[in-house]
N, C-alpha and C. Protein backbone atom coordinates (compact mmCIF):
# COMPACT_ATOMS: atom_id res chain seq x y z
N UNK A 1 39.89 -13.66 -154.86
CA UNK A 1 40.92 -13.61 -155.89
C UNK A 1 41.74 -14.91 -155.87
N UNK A 2 41.91 -15.54 -157.03
CA UNK A 2 42.66 -16.78 -157.13
C UNK A 2 44.15 -16.49 -157.09
N UNK A 3 44.86 -17.28 -156.29
CA UNK A 3 46.31 -17.10 -156.19
C UNK A 3 47.00 -17.97 -157.23
N UNK A 4 47.98 -17.42 -157.93
CA UNK A 4 48.74 -18.17 -158.91
C UNK A 4 50.21 -18.12 -158.50
N UNK A 5 50.96 -19.23 -158.71
CA UNK A 5 52.38 -19.24 -158.35
C UNK A 5 53.15 -18.11 -159.02
N UNK A 6 52.74 -17.71 -160.24
CA UNK A 6 53.45 -16.64 -160.94
C UNK A 6 53.35 -15.33 -160.20
N UNK A 7 52.22 -15.10 -159.48
CA UNK A 7 52.08 -13.87 -158.70
C UNK A 7 53.15 -13.81 -157.62
N UNK A 8 53.38 -14.94 -156.92
CA UNK A 8 54.38 -15.00 -155.87
C UNK A 8 55.77 -14.82 -156.45
N UNK A 9 56.02 -15.47 -157.61
CA UNK A 9 57.33 -15.37 -158.24
C UNK A 9 57.65 -13.93 -158.62
N UNK A 10 56.67 -13.23 -159.20
CA UNK A 10 56.90 -11.85 -159.59
C UNK A 10 57.18 -10.97 -158.38
N UNK A 11 56.47 -11.26 -157.25
CA UNK A 11 56.71 -10.50 -156.04
C UNK A 11 58.15 -10.70 -155.56
N UNK A 12 58.63 -11.95 -155.66
CA UNK A 12 60.00 -12.25 -155.26
C UNK A 12 60.99 -11.54 -156.19
N UNK A 13 60.73 -11.53 -157.48
CA UNK A 13 61.61 -10.86 -158.43
C UNK A 13 61.70 -9.37 -158.11
N UNK A 14 60.54 -8.73 -157.88
CA UNK A 14 60.53 -7.31 -157.54
C UNK A 14 61.27 -7.06 -156.23
N UNK A 15 61.07 -7.96 -155.26
CA UNK A 15 61.71 -7.81 -153.96
C UNK A 15 63.22 -7.88 -154.10
N UNK A 16 63.71 -8.86 -154.89
CA UNK A 16 65.14 -8.99 -155.09
C UNK A 16 65.70 -7.83 -155.89
N UNK A 17 64.87 -7.29 -156.79
CA UNK A 17 65.31 -6.14 -157.57
C UNK A 17 65.58 -4.93 -156.70
N UNK A 18 64.95 -4.90 -155.53
CA UNK A 18 65.19 -3.82 -154.57
C UNK A 18 66.26 -4.22 -153.56
N UNK A 19 66.15 -5.45 -153.04
CA UNK A 19 67.03 -5.87 -151.96
C UNK A 19 68.48 -6.09 -152.40
N UNK A 20 68.68 -6.71 -153.57
CA UNK A 20 70.04 -7.04 -153.99
C UNK A 20 70.92 -5.79 -154.17
N UNK A 21 70.48 -4.79 -154.97
CA UNK A 21 71.35 -3.60 -155.09
C UNK A 21 71.50 -2.85 -153.77
N UNK A 22 70.44 -2.87 -152.96
CA UNK A 22 70.53 -2.23 -151.65
C UNK A 22 71.55 -2.92 -150.76
N UNK A 23 71.57 -4.25 -150.80
CA UNK A 23 72.53 -5.01 -149.99
C UNK A 23 73.96 -4.77 -150.45
N UNK A 24 74.16 -4.69 -151.77
CA UNK A 24 75.51 -4.42 -152.31
C UNK A 24 75.97 -3.03 -151.88
N UNK A 25 75.05 -2.07 -151.93
CA UNK A 25 75.41 -0.70 -151.53
C UNK A 25 75.76 -0.64 -150.05
N UNK A 26 74.96 -1.31 -149.20
CA UNK A 26 75.24 -1.32 -147.76
C UNK A 26 76.59 -1.95 -147.48
N UNK A 27 76.88 -3.05 -148.17
CA UNK A 27 78.15 -3.75 -147.95
C UNK A 27 79.34 -2.88 -148.35
N UNK A 28 79.24 -2.25 -149.51
CA UNK A 28 80.36 -1.45 -150.01
C UNK A 28 80.56 -0.16 -149.22
N UNK A 29 79.44 0.40 -148.73
CA UNK A 29 79.52 1.69 -148.03
C UNK A 29 79.30 1.54 -146.52
N UNK A 30 79.61 0.37 -145.98
CA UNK A 30 79.41 0.13 -144.54
C UNK A 30 80.19 1.12 -143.68
N UNK A 31 81.39 1.50 -144.15
CA UNK A 31 82.23 2.44 -143.37
C UNK A 31 81.57 3.81 -143.29
N UNK A 32 81.04 4.29 -144.42
CA UNK A 32 80.36 5.59 -144.42
C UNK A 32 79.10 5.55 -143.57
N UNK A 33 78.35 4.46 -143.65
CA UNK A 33 77.13 4.34 -142.84
C UNK A 33 77.47 4.34 -141.36
N UNK A 34 78.57 3.68 -141.03
CA UNK A 34 79.00 3.65 -139.62
C UNK A 34 79.40 5.04 -139.14
N UNK A 35 80.06 5.83 -140.00
CA UNK A 35 80.46 7.19 -139.62
C UNK A 35 79.24 8.08 -139.39
N UNK A 36 78.22 7.91 -140.22
CA UNK A 36 77.04 8.78 -140.13
C UNK A 36 76.14 8.38 -138.96
N UNK A 37 75.85 7.08 -138.82
CA UNK A 37 74.89 6.62 -137.82
C UNK A 37 75.53 5.96 -136.61
N UNK A 38 76.86 5.84 -136.63
CA UNK A 38 77.59 5.22 -135.52
C UNK A 38 77.15 3.77 -135.29
N UNK A 39 76.72 3.12 -136.36
CA UNK A 39 76.32 1.71 -136.29
C UNK A 39 76.87 1.03 -137.54
N UNK A 40 77.60 -0.06 -137.35
CA UNK A 40 78.12 -0.80 -138.49
C UNK A 40 77.10 -1.84 -138.93
N UNK A 41 76.55 -1.73 -140.14
CA UNK A 41 75.55 -2.70 -140.60
C UNK A 41 76.12 -4.10 -140.76
N UNK A 42 77.46 -4.22 -140.87
CA UNK A 42 78.07 -5.53 -141.04
C UNK A 42 78.29 -6.24 -139.71
N UNK A 43 78.26 -5.48 -138.62
CA UNK A 43 78.48 -6.07 -137.31
C UNK A 43 77.20 -6.12 -136.48
N UNK A 44 76.18 -5.40 -136.92
CA UNK A 44 74.91 -5.40 -136.19
C UNK A 44 74.12 -6.66 -136.52
N UNK A 45 72.93 -6.78 -135.91
CA UNK A 45 72.05 -7.92 -136.17
C UNK A 45 71.69 -7.94 -137.64
N UNK A 46 71.46 -9.14 -138.19
CA UNK A 46 71.18 -9.26 -139.63
C UNK A 46 69.93 -8.49 -140.04
N UNK A 47 68.99 -8.29 -139.09
CA UNK A 47 67.77 -7.54 -139.41
C UNK A 47 68.12 -6.09 -139.77
N UNK A 48 69.12 -5.52 -139.06
CA UNK A 48 69.56 -4.15 -139.35
C UNK A 48 70.09 -4.07 -140.78
N UNK A 49 70.90 -5.06 -141.17
CA UNK A 49 71.44 -5.10 -142.53
C UNK A 49 70.31 -5.23 -143.56
N UNK A 50 69.33 -6.11 -143.29
CA UNK A 50 68.23 -6.34 -144.23
C UNK A 50 67.37 -5.09 -144.39
N UNK A 51 67.05 -4.43 -143.27
CA UNK A 51 66.22 -3.22 -143.34
C UNK A 51 66.96 -2.11 -144.08
N UNK A 52 68.24 -1.94 -143.77
CA UNK A 52 69.03 -0.90 -144.44
C UNK A 52 69.11 -1.18 -145.94
N UNK A 53 69.32 -2.45 -146.31
CA UNK A 53 69.40 -2.82 -147.73
C UNK A 53 68.07 -2.58 -148.42
N UNK A 54 66.97 -2.91 -147.77
CA UNK A 54 65.64 -2.75 -148.37
C UNK A 54 65.32 -1.27 -148.58
N UNK A 55 65.59 -0.45 -147.57
CA UNK A 55 65.30 0.98 -147.68
C UNK A 55 66.19 1.65 -148.74
N UNK A 56 67.48 1.35 -148.71
CA UNK A 56 68.38 1.95 -149.70
C UNK A 56 68.08 1.42 -151.11
N UNK A 57 67.60 0.17 -151.20
CA UNK A 57 67.22 -0.39 -152.50
C UNK A 57 66.06 0.38 -153.11
N UNK A 58 65.06 0.71 -152.28
CA UNK A 58 63.94 1.52 -152.77
C UNK A 58 64.40 2.92 -153.16
N UNK A 59 65.31 3.47 -152.37
CA UNK A 59 65.82 4.80 -152.69
C UNK A 59 66.59 4.79 -154.01
N UNK A 60 67.39 3.75 -154.22
CA UNK A 60 68.12 3.60 -155.48
C UNK A 60 67.16 3.50 -156.66
N UNK A 61 66.10 2.72 -156.48
CA UNK A 61 65.13 2.52 -157.55
C UNK A 61 64.48 3.84 -157.94
N UNK A 62 64.09 4.63 -156.93
CA UNK A 62 63.44 5.91 -157.20
C UNK A 62 64.40 6.91 -157.82
N UNK A 63 65.62 6.98 -157.30
CA UNK A 63 66.60 7.95 -157.81
C UNK A 63 67.02 7.63 -159.24
N UNK A 64 67.27 6.35 -159.52
CA UNK A 64 67.69 5.99 -160.88
C UNK A 64 66.57 6.20 -161.88
N UNK A 65 65.33 5.95 -161.46
CA UNK A 65 64.20 6.19 -162.37
C UNK A 65 64.07 7.68 -162.65
N UNK A 66 64.19 8.50 -161.61
CA UNK A 66 64.12 9.95 -161.77
C UNK A 66 65.26 10.46 -162.63
N UNK A 67 66.47 9.94 -162.41
CA UNK A 67 67.63 10.37 -163.18
C UNK A 67 67.49 9.98 -164.65
N UNK A 68 66.98 8.80 -164.92
CA UNK A 68 66.79 8.35 -166.30
C UNK A 68 65.83 9.27 -167.05
N UNK A 69 64.70 9.60 -166.41
CA UNK A 69 63.73 10.48 -167.05
C UNK A 69 64.29 11.90 -167.20
N UNK A 70 65.04 12.37 -166.19
CA UNK A 70 65.62 13.71 -166.25
C UNK A 70 66.62 13.82 -167.39
N UNK A 71 67.46 12.81 -167.57
CA UNK A 71 68.44 12.84 -168.65
C UNK A 71 67.77 12.85 -170.01
N UNK A 72 66.70 12.08 -170.14
CA UNK A 72 65.98 12.03 -171.42
C UNK A 72 65.30 13.36 -171.73
N UNK A 73 64.83 14.07 -170.69
CA UNK A 73 64.13 15.33 -170.89
C UNK A 73 65.08 16.51 -171.04
N UNK A 74 66.13 16.54 -170.21
CA UNK A 74 67.03 17.69 -170.19
C UNK A 74 68.13 17.60 -171.25
N UNK A 75 68.47 16.38 -171.65
CA UNK A 75 69.52 16.19 -172.64
C UNK A 75 68.96 15.44 -173.84
N UNK A 76 68.36 16.17 -174.78
CA UNK A 76 67.73 15.51 -175.93
C UNK A 76 68.67 14.60 -176.72
N UNK A 77 69.98 14.94 -176.73
CA UNK A 77 70.91 14.11 -177.50
C UNK A 77 71.02 12.69 -176.95
N UNK A 78 70.62 12.50 -175.65
CA UNK A 78 70.66 11.16 -175.07
C UNK A 78 69.74 10.21 -175.82
N UNK A 79 68.64 10.74 -176.37
CA UNK A 79 67.70 9.89 -177.09
C UNK A 79 68.28 9.41 -178.41
N UNK A 80 69.29 10.14 -178.91
CA UNK A 80 69.86 9.78 -180.21
C UNK A 80 70.97 8.75 -180.10
N UNK A 81 71.39 8.46 -178.86
CA UNK A 81 72.45 7.47 -178.67
C UNK A 81 71.88 6.08 -178.89
N UNK A 82 72.46 5.33 -179.80
CA UNK A 82 71.97 3.99 -180.14
C UNK A 82 73.06 2.97 -179.81
N UNK A 83 73.02 2.40 -178.60
CA UNK A 83 74.01 1.41 -178.22
C UNK A 83 73.78 0.09 -178.94
N UNK A 84 72.51 -0.21 -179.18
CA UNK A 84 72.14 -1.44 -179.89
C UNK A 84 71.18 -1.04 -181.01
N UNK A 85 71.73 -0.52 -182.12
CA UNK A 85 70.89 0.07 -183.17
C UNK A 85 69.86 -0.88 -183.78
N UNK A 86 70.20 -2.14 -183.98
CA UNK A 86 69.25 -3.07 -184.59
C UNK A 86 68.04 -3.30 -183.68
N UNK A 87 68.31 -3.48 -182.39
CA UNK A 87 67.21 -3.64 -181.43
C UNK A 87 66.34 -2.40 -181.39
N UNK A 88 66.99 -1.24 -181.40
CA UNK A 88 66.25 0.03 -181.33
C UNK A 88 65.38 0.21 -182.57
N UNK A 89 65.94 -0.05 -183.73
CA UNK A 89 65.18 0.12 -184.97
C UNK A 89 63.98 -0.83 -185.02
N UNK A 90 64.18 -2.07 -184.58
CA UNK A 90 63.09 -3.04 -184.58
C UNK A 90 62.00 -2.65 -183.59
N UNK A 91 62.42 -2.16 -182.41
CA UNK A 91 61.45 -1.72 -181.41
C UNK A 91 60.65 -0.53 -181.93
N UNK A 92 61.32 0.41 -182.60
CA UNK A 92 60.62 1.57 -183.17
C UNK A 92 59.62 1.14 -184.24
N UNK A 93 60.00 0.17 -185.06
CA UNK A 93 59.11 -0.32 -186.11
C UNK A 93 57.86 -0.97 -185.51
N UNK A 94 58.06 -1.78 -184.47
CA UNK A 94 56.93 -2.44 -183.82
C UNK A 94 56.07 -1.43 -183.06
N UNK A 95 56.73 -0.40 -182.51
CA UNK A 95 55.96 0.64 -181.80
C UNK A 95 55.02 1.37 -182.76
N UNK A 96 55.52 1.74 -183.93
CA UNK A 96 54.69 2.44 -184.91
C UNK A 96 53.52 1.58 -185.36
N UNK A 97 53.75 0.27 -185.42
CA UNK A 97 52.69 -0.64 -185.82
C UNK A 97 51.66 -0.85 -184.71
N UNK A 98 52.10 -0.65 -183.46
CA UNK A 98 51.21 -0.88 -182.31
C UNK A 98 50.37 0.34 -181.95
N UNK A 99 50.92 1.54 -182.18
CA UNK A 99 50.26 2.78 -181.76
C UNK A 99 48.82 2.92 -182.25
N UNK A 100 48.50 2.56 -183.52
CA UNK A 100 47.12 2.75 -183.99
C UNK A 100 46.06 2.05 -183.16
N UNK A 101 46.34 0.83 -182.67
CA UNK A 101 45.31 0.16 -181.87
C UNK A 101 45.47 0.39 -180.37
N UNK A 102 46.59 1.02 -179.96
CA UNK A 102 46.70 1.47 -178.57
C UNK A 102 46.00 2.81 -178.39
N UNK A 103 45.78 3.50 -179.50
CA UNK A 103 44.99 4.73 -179.57
C UNK A 103 45.53 5.84 -178.68
N UNK A 104 44.64 6.53 -177.99
CA UNK A 104 45.03 7.73 -177.24
C UNK A 104 45.90 7.43 -176.03
N UNK A 105 46.02 6.15 -175.66
CA UNK A 105 46.88 5.80 -174.52
C UNK A 105 48.35 5.90 -174.87
N UNK A 106 48.67 6.01 -176.18
CA UNK A 106 50.07 6.04 -176.61
C UNK A 106 50.29 7.18 -177.61
N UNK A 107 50.33 8.39 -177.09
CA UNK A 107 50.42 9.53 -178.01
C UNK A 107 51.57 10.48 -177.72
N UNK A 108 52.34 10.27 -176.68
CA UNK A 108 53.36 11.28 -176.33
C UNK A 108 54.74 10.68 -176.09
N UNK A 109 55.17 9.78 -176.96
CA UNK A 109 56.53 9.29 -176.84
C UNK A 109 56.61 7.81 -176.54
N UNK A 110 57.86 7.30 -176.64
CA UNK A 110 58.10 5.87 -176.49
C UNK A 110 57.72 5.36 -175.10
N UNK A 111 58.01 6.16 -174.05
CA UNK A 111 57.71 5.71 -172.69
C UNK A 111 56.21 5.53 -172.50
N UNK A 112 55.41 6.49 -172.98
CA UNK A 112 53.96 6.39 -172.87
C UNK A 112 53.44 5.21 -173.66
N UNK A 113 53.98 5.01 -174.86
CA UNK A 113 53.56 3.89 -175.69
C UNK A 113 53.90 2.56 -175.02
N UNK A 114 55.08 2.50 -174.38
CA UNK A 114 55.47 1.26 -173.69
C UNK A 114 54.52 0.93 -172.55
N UNK A 115 54.18 1.93 -171.74
CA UNK A 115 53.25 1.69 -170.62
C UNK A 115 51.84 1.39 -171.12
N UNK A 116 51.46 1.98 -172.25
CA UNK A 116 50.17 1.64 -172.85
C UNK A 116 50.17 0.19 -173.32
N UNK A 117 51.29 -0.24 -173.90
CA UNK A 117 51.41 -1.63 -174.34
C UNK A 117 51.36 -2.58 -173.15
N UNK A 118 52.02 -2.21 -172.06
CA UNK A 118 52.00 -3.04 -170.86
C UNK A 118 50.58 -3.15 -170.30
N UNK A 119 49.85 -2.04 -170.28
CA UNK A 119 48.46 -2.06 -169.81
C UNK A 119 47.59 -2.93 -170.72
N UNK A 120 47.83 -2.84 -172.03
CA UNK A 120 47.10 -3.66 -173.00
C UNK A 120 47.33 -5.14 -172.71
N UNK A 121 48.59 -5.51 -172.41
CA UNK A 121 48.91 -6.91 -172.13
C UNK A 121 48.29 -7.37 -170.81
N UNK A 122 48.24 -6.50 -169.82
CA UNK A 122 47.61 -6.87 -168.55
C UNK A 122 46.12 -7.17 -168.74
N UNK A 123 45.49 -6.43 -169.64
CA UNK A 123 44.06 -6.64 -169.90
C UNK A 123 43.81 -7.86 -170.78
N UNK A 124 44.68 -8.07 -171.76
CA UNK A 124 44.44 -9.10 -172.76
C UNK A 124 45.14 -10.43 -172.48
N UNK A 125 46.34 -10.36 -171.92
CA UNK A 125 47.14 -11.58 -171.79
C UNK A 125 48.06 -11.48 -170.56
N UNK A 126 47.57 -11.86 -169.37
CA UNK A 126 48.36 -11.74 -168.14
C UNK A 126 49.69 -12.50 -168.19
N UNK A 127 49.74 -13.63 -168.90
CA UNK A 127 51.00 -14.39 -168.98
C UNK A 127 52.07 -13.60 -169.71
N UNK A 128 51.68 -12.92 -170.79
CA UNK A 128 52.63 -12.08 -171.51
C UNK A 128 53.08 -10.91 -170.65
N UNK A 129 52.14 -10.33 -169.91
CA UNK A 129 52.48 -9.23 -169.01
C UNK A 129 53.44 -9.70 -167.91
N UNK A 130 53.26 -10.95 -167.44
CA UNK A 130 54.15 -11.49 -166.41
C UNK A 130 55.58 -11.62 -166.92
N UNK A 131 55.73 -12.09 -168.17
CA UNK A 131 57.08 -12.18 -168.75
C UNK A 131 57.71 -10.80 -168.90
N UNK A 132 56.92 -9.84 -169.31
CA UNK A 132 57.42 -8.48 -169.46
C UNK A 132 57.81 -7.90 -168.10
N UNK A 133 57.04 -8.22 -167.06
CA UNK A 133 57.37 -7.76 -165.71
C UNK A 133 58.74 -8.29 -165.28
N UNK A 134 59.05 -9.53 -165.65
CA UNK A 134 60.35 -10.09 -165.30
C UNK A 134 61.48 -9.36 -166.01
N UNK A 135 61.26 -9.00 -167.27
CA UNK A 135 62.26 -8.22 -168.00
C UNK A 135 62.44 -6.84 -167.35
N UNK A 136 61.34 -6.23 -166.94
CA UNK A 136 61.41 -4.92 -166.31
C UNK A 136 62.15 -4.98 -164.98
N UNK A 137 61.87 -6.04 -164.19
CA UNK A 137 62.57 -6.21 -162.92
C UNK A 137 64.07 -6.38 -163.14
N UNK A 138 64.44 -7.08 -164.22
CA UNK A 138 65.86 -7.30 -164.52
C UNK A 138 66.55 -5.99 -164.89
N UNK A 139 65.92 -5.19 -165.75
CA UNK A 139 66.61 -3.96 -166.16
C UNK A 139 66.62 -2.92 -165.03
N UNK A 140 65.63 -2.96 -164.15
CA UNK A 140 65.67 -2.05 -163.00
C UNK A 140 66.77 -2.46 -162.02
N UNK A 141 66.97 -3.77 -161.86
CA UNK A 141 68.06 -4.26 -161.02
C UNK A 141 69.40 -3.82 -161.59
N UNK A 142 69.59 -4.00 -162.89
CA UNK A 142 70.84 -3.60 -163.53
C UNK A 142 71.07 -2.09 -163.44
N UNK A 143 69.98 -1.33 -163.62
CA UNK A 143 70.09 0.14 -163.52
C UNK A 143 70.52 0.56 -162.12
N UNK A 144 69.98 -0.08 -161.10
CA UNK A 144 70.36 0.25 -159.72
C UNK A 144 71.80 -0.13 -159.44
N UNK A 145 72.26 -1.25 -160.02
CA UNK A 145 73.65 -1.65 -159.81
C UNK A 145 74.62 -0.69 -160.48
N UNK A 146 74.20 -0.09 -161.59
CA UNK A 146 75.02 0.97 -162.21
C UNK A 146 75.25 2.09 -161.20
N UNK A 147 74.16 2.51 -160.53
CA UNK A 147 74.27 3.59 -159.55
C UNK A 147 75.13 3.17 -158.36
N UNK A 148 74.99 1.92 -157.91
CA UNK A 148 75.76 1.43 -156.76
C UNK A 148 77.25 1.54 -157.00
N UNK A 149 77.71 1.03 -158.13
CA UNK A 149 79.16 1.04 -158.40
C UNK A 149 79.65 2.41 -158.82
N UNK A 150 78.77 3.23 -159.36
CA UNK A 150 79.15 4.62 -159.65
C UNK A 150 79.35 5.39 -158.35
N UNK A 151 78.44 5.19 -157.38
CA UNK A 151 78.60 5.81 -156.07
C UNK A 151 79.90 5.37 -155.42
N UNK A 152 80.18 4.07 -155.49
CA UNK A 152 81.39 3.55 -154.86
C UNK A 152 82.63 4.13 -155.54
N UNK A 153 82.55 4.32 -156.85
CA UNK A 153 83.66 4.93 -157.59
C UNK A 153 83.92 6.35 -157.08
N UNK A 154 82.84 7.12 -156.93
CA UNK A 154 82.97 8.50 -156.46
C UNK A 154 83.50 8.55 -155.04
N UNK A 155 82.98 7.68 -154.16
CA UNK A 155 83.40 7.68 -152.76
C UNK A 155 84.83 7.18 -152.58
N UNK A 156 85.34 6.44 -153.57
CA UNK A 156 86.70 5.90 -153.46
C UNK A 156 87.76 6.86 -153.99
N UNK A 157 87.34 7.89 -154.71
CA UNK A 157 88.30 8.83 -155.30
C UNK A 157 89.16 9.54 -154.26
N UNK A 158 88.58 10.01 -153.11
CA UNK A 158 89.43 10.71 -152.13
C UNK A 158 90.59 9.89 -151.61
N UNK A 159 90.49 8.57 -151.62
CA UNK A 159 91.59 7.71 -151.13
C UNK A 159 92.08 6.84 -152.29
N UNK A 160 92.17 7.46 -153.47
CA UNK A 160 92.50 6.70 -154.67
C UNK A 160 93.84 5.98 -154.58
N UNK A 161 94.81 6.57 -153.85
CA UNK A 161 96.12 5.96 -153.76
C UNK A 161 96.09 4.64 -152.99
N UNK A 162 95.02 4.42 -152.19
CA UNK A 162 94.87 3.17 -151.45
C UNK A 162 93.91 2.20 -152.16
N UNK A 163 93.14 2.72 -153.09
CA UNK A 163 92.09 1.89 -153.69
C UNK A 163 92.14 1.94 -155.22
N UNK A 164 93.33 1.92 -155.79
CA UNK A 164 93.44 2.00 -157.24
C UNK A 164 92.74 0.84 -157.93
N UNK A 165 92.95 -0.37 -157.43
CA UNK A 165 92.30 -1.54 -158.02
C UNK A 165 90.78 -1.44 -157.88
N UNK A 166 90.31 -0.94 -156.75
CA UNK A 166 88.87 -0.78 -156.54
C UNK A 166 88.27 0.21 -157.53
N UNK A 167 89.00 1.28 -157.82
CA UNK A 167 88.53 2.26 -158.80
C UNK A 167 88.39 1.63 -160.18
N UNK A 168 89.35 0.82 -160.56
CA UNK A 168 89.30 0.14 -161.86
C UNK A 168 88.12 -0.82 -161.92
N UNK A 169 87.94 -1.58 -160.85
CA UNK A 169 86.83 -2.55 -160.80
C UNK A 169 85.49 -1.82 -160.81
N UNK A 170 85.37 -0.73 -160.04
CA UNK A 170 84.13 0.04 -160.02
C UNK A 170 83.79 0.58 -161.40
N UNK A 171 84.79 1.14 -162.07
CA UNK A 171 84.56 1.70 -163.41
C UNK A 171 84.15 0.61 -164.39
N UNK A 172 84.82 -0.53 -164.33
CA UNK A 172 84.52 -1.63 -165.24
C UNK A 172 83.11 -2.16 -165.01
N UNK A 173 82.74 -2.36 -163.74
CA UNK A 173 81.42 -2.89 -163.43
C UNK A 173 80.32 -1.88 -163.78
N UNK A 174 80.58 -0.60 -163.56
CA UNK A 174 79.61 0.43 -163.95
C UNK A 174 79.33 0.37 -165.44
N UNK A 175 80.38 0.25 -166.23
CA UNK A 175 80.23 0.18 -167.69
C UNK A 175 79.51 -1.09 -168.12
N UNK A 176 79.89 -2.23 -167.55
CA UNK A 176 79.27 -3.51 -167.92
C UNK A 176 77.79 -3.53 -167.56
N UNK A 177 77.47 -3.10 -166.34
CA UNK A 177 76.07 -3.10 -165.92
C UNK A 177 75.24 -2.09 -166.72
N UNK A 178 75.86 -0.97 -167.12
CA UNK A 178 75.13 0.00 -167.93
C UNK A 178 74.77 -0.59 -169.30
N UNK A 179 75.74 -1.26 -169.93
CA UNK A 179 75.48 -1.88 -171.22
C UNK A 179 74.41 -2.97 -171.10
N UNK A 180 74.50 -3.76 -170.03
CA UNK A 180 73.50 -4.81 -169.81
C UNK A 180 72.12 -4.21 -169.57
N UNK A 181 72.07 -3.11 -168.81
CA UNK A 181 70.80 -2.42 -168.56
C UNK A 181 70.20 -1.88 -169.86
N UNK A 182 71.03 -1.23 -170.68
CA UNK A 182 70.54 -0.64 -171.92
C UNK A 182 69.98 -1.72 -172.84
N UNK A 183 70.64 -2.85 -172.93
CA UNK A 183 70.17 -3.93 -173.80
C UNK A 183 68.88 -4.56 -173.25
N UNK A 184 68.83 -4.81 -171.94
CA UNK A 184 67.64 -5.42 -171.35
C UNK A 184 66.44 -4.49 -171.45
N UNK A 185 66.66 -3.19 -171.29
CA UNK A 185 65.57 -2.22 -171.41
C UNK A 185 65.03 -2.20 -172.84
N UNK A 186 65.94 -2.21 -173.82
CA UNK A 186 65.51 -2.20 -175.21
C UNK A 186 64.76 -3.48 -175.57
N UNK A 187 65.20 -4.61 -175.02
CA UNK A 187 64.50 -5.87 -175.23
C UNK A 187 63.09 -5.84 -174.64
N UNK A 188 62.95 -5.21 -173.48
CA UNK A 188 61.63 -5.10 -172.85
C UNK A 188 60.68 -4.30 -173.73
N UNK A 189 61.17 -3.19 -174.29
CA UNK A 189 60.35 -2.38 -175.20
C UNK A 189 59.94 -3.19 -176.43
N UNK A 190 60.92 -3.88 -177.03
CA UNK A 190 60.63 -4.67 -178.22
C UNK A 190 59.61 -5.76 -177.91
N UNK A 191 59.81 -6.46 -176.79
CA UNK A 191 58.91 -7.55 -176.42
C UNK A 191 57.49 -7.06 -176.18
N UNK A 192 57.35 -5.90 -175.55
CA UNK A 192 56.01 -5.37 -175.26
C UNK A 192 55.22 -5.13 -176.55
N UNK A 193 55.82 -4.44 -177.50
CA UNK A 193 55.12 -4.14 -178.75
C UNK A 193 54.93 -5.40 -179.61
N UNK A 194 55.89 -6.31 -179.54
CA UNK A 194 55.77 -7.55 -180.30
C UNK A 194 54.59 -8.39 -179.80
N UNK A 195 54.45 -8.49 -178.49
CA UNK A 195 53.32 -9.21 -177.91
C UNK A 195 52.00 -8.56 -178.31
N UNK A 196 51.95 -7.23 -178.25
CA UNK A 196 50.71 -6.52 -178.60
C UNK A 196 50.29 -6.84 -180.04
N UNK A 197 51.25 -6.84 -180.96
CA UNK A 197 50.93 -7.11 -182.36
C UNK A 197 50.47 -8.56 -182.55
N UNK A 198 51.16 -9.50 -181.90
CA UNK A 198 50.77 -10.91 -182.02
C UNK A 198 49.37 -11.15 -181.48
N UNK A 199 49.06 -10.55 -180.34
CA UNK A 199 47.73 -10.72 -179.75
C UNK A 199 46.68 -10.08 -180.63
N UNK A 200 46.99 -8.90 -181.15
CA UNK A 200 46.05 -8.21 -182.02
C UNK A 200 45.78 -9.00 -183.29
N UNK A 201 46.82 -9.59 -183.88
CA UNK A 201 46.66 -10.33 -185.12
C UNK A 201 45.88 -11.63 -184.93
N UNK A 202 45.86 -12.15 -183.70
CA UNK A 202 45.13 -13.39 -183.44
C UNK A 202 43.68 -13.15 -183.08
N UNK A 203 43.30 -11.90 -182.87
CA UNK A 203 41.90 -11.61 -182.57
C UNK A 203 41.05 -11.85 -183.81
N UNK A 204 39.83 -12.37 -183.63
CA UNK A 204 38.97 -12.62 -184.79
C UNK A 204 38.62 -11.33 -185.52
N UNK A 205 38.69 -11.37 -186.84
CA UNK A 205 38.39 -10.21 -187.68
C UNK A 205 36.94 -10.28 -188.15
N UNK A 206 36.25 -9.19 -188.01
CA UNK A 206 34.84 -9.13 -188.40
C UNK A 206 34.74 -8.98 -189.91
N UNK A 207 34.19 -10.00 -190.59
CA UNK A 207 34.06 -9.99 -192.04
C UNK A 207 32.68 -9.49 -192.40
N UNK A 208 32.60 -8.21 -192.79
CA UNK A 208 31.32 -7.58 -193.07
C UNK A 208 30.65 -8.21 -194.29
N UNK A 209 31.43 -8.69 -195.26
CA UNK A 209 30.86 -9.23 -196.48
C UNK A 209 30.03 -10.49 -196.25
N UNK A 210 30.35 -11.21 -195.10
CA UNK A 210 29.61 -12.45 -194.84
C UNK A 210 28.43 -12.22 -193.89
N UNK A 211 28.21 -11.00 -193.48
CA UNK A 211 27.12 -10.70 -192.54
C UNK A 211 25.84 -10.51 -193.31
N UNK A 212 24.78 -11.01 -192.74
CA UNK A 212 23.46 -10.85 -193.36
C UNK A 212 22.83 -9.58 -192.80
N UNK A 213 22.95 -8.47 -193.56
CA UNK A 213 22.51 -7.17 -193.09
C UNK A 213 21.17 -6.84 -193.74
N UNK A 214 20.19 -6.56 -192.92
CA UNK A 214 18.86 -6.18 -193.42
C UNK A 214 18.65 -4.71 -193.17
N UNK A 215 18.42 -4.00 -194.23
CA UNK A 215 18.17 -2.57 -194.13
C UNK A 215 16.69 -2.33 -194.27
N UNK A 216 16.07 -1.73 -193.30
CA UNK A 216 14.64 -1.50 -193.35
C UNK A 216 14.35 -0.16 -194.01
């Protein structure tokens, strides 16, 4: 297998998408971690901090992905919320245009169609798939940071009289990261279907009228 620099870059992006939110969570919740495990990650060897951040980062990624799907399934009205209506409408238009040639791989909703589009790009155009992977890594990072500051907000409530400024900052960052996540996720959907249509339109079209057909 030939190694390409983009493969290494994508691995680093995915790694940071897990490590960065995990590290922020460990830093903010170091006191709670110390109470539970009797070890302060901020005073221990840096390897302890790195391992804790990596493990909690993966846990955040799994929990936020599960929560996102659960909200979409259990609360149908969540699908009707349009934070960025123009982006959403354009993505829906491109999705409808892409579904016919994605065929049976995209038949049960936007999420299935998006993953079908991503698979199509991996087969047809790895460079386009690599750009889409970077967008996905970005919105997963932002989604995890939403959870990090939301957790910190909840954990700070019992001592609110000592951490009023922290509560305000946590709430503000949760809102900002959520809006950034929603926009980046919608851009990823739009980009996936847009790439599929462009690649499909550039494929050679078979002109039957110019074929020399002999019927025996």
